[in-house]
């Protein structure tokens, strides 16, 4: 057995347990933002339920303020959440739009 074969055999036996230990203890450095201060129209529509058109209509009716940030139309999280805390706004029952799961 030449030197290269010996090293390959040695590494073949030693590396798998070492790699398994490293991977078992590996935790990626990931930052997850659960609640943002502002949502895009698409994000707000996906999270809270009303369509993009409804959000714009609510803006036109003065129900929900929208903001322009870095060229994008945004909804402030606290504004839309406050809106959904009310049972009715402008004759529209908002419960049908509220997709958020409630914890009992």
Protein backbone atom coordinates (compact mmCIF):
# COMPACT_ATOMS: atom_id res chain seq x y z
CA UNK A 1 0.00 0.00 0.00
CA UNK A 2 1.47 3.32 -1.00
CA UNK A 3 1.29 6.52 1.04
CA UNK A 4 -1.68 8.02 -0.86
CA UNK A 5 -3.79 4.90 -0.33
CA UNK A 6 -2.88 4.88 3.37
CA UNK A 7 -3.92 8.54 3.79
CA UNK A 8 -7.17 7.96 1.83
CA UNK A 9 -8.01 4.95 4.01
CA UNK A 10 -7.17 6.85 7.21
CA UNK A 11 -9.25 9.86 6.20
CA UNK A 12 -12.06 7.58 5.04
CA UNK A 13 -12.29 6.20 8.57
CA UNK A 14 -11.67 9.41 10.51
CA UNK A 15 -13.64 12.02 8.54
CA UNK A 16 -17.19 10.61 8.62
CA UNK A 17 -17.49 10.63 12.45
CA UNK A 18 -15.92 14.10 12.58
CA UNK A 19 -18.24 15.45 9.90
CA UNK A 20 -21.24 13.87 11.63
CA UNK A 21 -20.31 15.61 14.89
CA UNK A 22 -19.77 18.95 13.16
CA UNK A 23 -23.08 18.74 11.29
CA UNK A 24 -24.95 17.64 14.42
CA UNK A 25 -23.78 20.77 16.26
CA UNK A 26 -24.14 23.10 13.26
CA UNK A 27 -26.70 25.84 13.69
CA UNK A 28 -26.92 28.29 10.82
CA UNK A 29 -26.73 31.98 11.62
CA UNK A 30 -30.24 32.94 10.49
CA UNK A 31 -32.15 35.98 11.61
CA UNK A 32 -35.91 35.75 11.19
CA UNK A 33 -38.04 38.84 11.48
CA UNK A 34 -41.49 37.74 12.56
CA UNK A 35 -43.09 41.13 12.70
CA UNK A 36 -42.03 43.92 10.43
CA UNK A 37 -43.07 47.53 10.98
CA UNK A 38 -44.29 47.95 7.39
CA UNK A 39 -45.67 45.44 4.87
CA UNK A 40 -45.91 45.79 1.11
CA UNK A 41 -49.44 45.68 -0.30
CA UNK A 42 -48.86 42.08 -1.47
CA UNK A 43 -47.55 41.00 1.96
CA UNK A 44 -50.46 42.66 3.80
CA UNK A 45 -52.92 41.04 1.41
CA UNK A 46 -51.35 37.62 1.96
CA UNK A 47 -51.10 37.93 5.75
CA UNK A 48 -54.41 39.61 6.54
CA UNK A 49 -56.66 38.50 3.69
CA UNK A 50 -58.16 41.50 1.86
CA UNK A 51 -57.15 41.84 -1.78
CA UNK A 52 -54.82 44.52 -3.07
CA UNK A 53 -57.80 46.35 -4.55
CA UNK A 54 -59.59 46.32 -1.18
CA UNK A 55 -56.56 47.81 0.57
CA UNK A 56 -56.37 50.60 -2.02
CA UNK A 57 -60.14 51.17 -1.72
CA UNK A 58 -59.81 51.43 2.06
CA UNK A 59 -57.06 54.01 1.49
CA UNK A 60 -59.34 56.02 -0.82
CA UNK A 61 -62.17 55.82 1.74
CA UNK A 62 -59.84 57.00 4.52
CA UNK A 63 -60.07 53.70 6.41
CA UNK A 64 -56.44 52.64 6.07
CA UNK A 65 -53.46 54.95 5.52
CA UNK A 66 -50.81 53.79 3.05
CA UNK A 67 -47.23 55.06 2.91
CA UNK A 68 -44.65 55.43 0.14
CA UNK A 69 -41.29 54.09 1.30
CA UNK A 70 -38.38 53.69 -1.11
CA UNK A 71 -40.78 53.80 -4.05
CA UNK A 72 -43.07 51.08 -2.69
CA UNK A 73 -46.57 51.45 -1.29
CA UNK A 74 -46.55 50.10 2.24
CA UNK A 75 -49.04 49.38 5.03
CA UNK A 76 -48.04 50.05 8.61
CA UNK A 77 -48.50 46.88 10.68
CA UNK A 78 -50.06 48.63 13.64
CA UNK A 79 -52.57 50.43 11.36
CA UNK A 80 -53.86 47.24 9.76
CA UNK A 81 -53.89 45.34 13.04
CA UNK A 82 -55.86 48.14 14.70
CA UNK A 83 -58.31 47.99 11.81
CA UNK A 84 -58.89 44.28 12.34
CA UNK A 85 -59.50 44.78 16.05
CA UNK A 86 -62.67 46.66 15.16
CA UNK A 87 -65.66 44.48 14.35
CA UNK A 88 -67.00 46.65 11.54
CA UNK A 89 -65.52 49.46 9.51
CA UNK A 90 -67.53 51.27 6.85
CA UNK A 91 -70.21 48.57 6.92
CA UNK A 92 -67.71 45.82 6.05
CA UNK A 93 -67.42 42.92 8.47
CA UNK A 94 -63.67 42.47 8.71
CA UNK A 95 -63.86 39.06 10.39
CA UNK A 96 -64.25 37.41 6.97
CA UNK A 97 -60.87 38.84 5.94
CA UNK A 98 -59.00 37.98 9.10
CA UNK A 99 -56.91 34.90 8.27
CA UNK A 100 -54.77 35.04 11.38
CA UNK A 101 -55.16 31.96 13.54
CA UNK A 102 -56.43 32.58 17.00
CA UNK A 103 -54.89 30.62 19.86
CA UNK A 104 -57.52 29.37 22.30
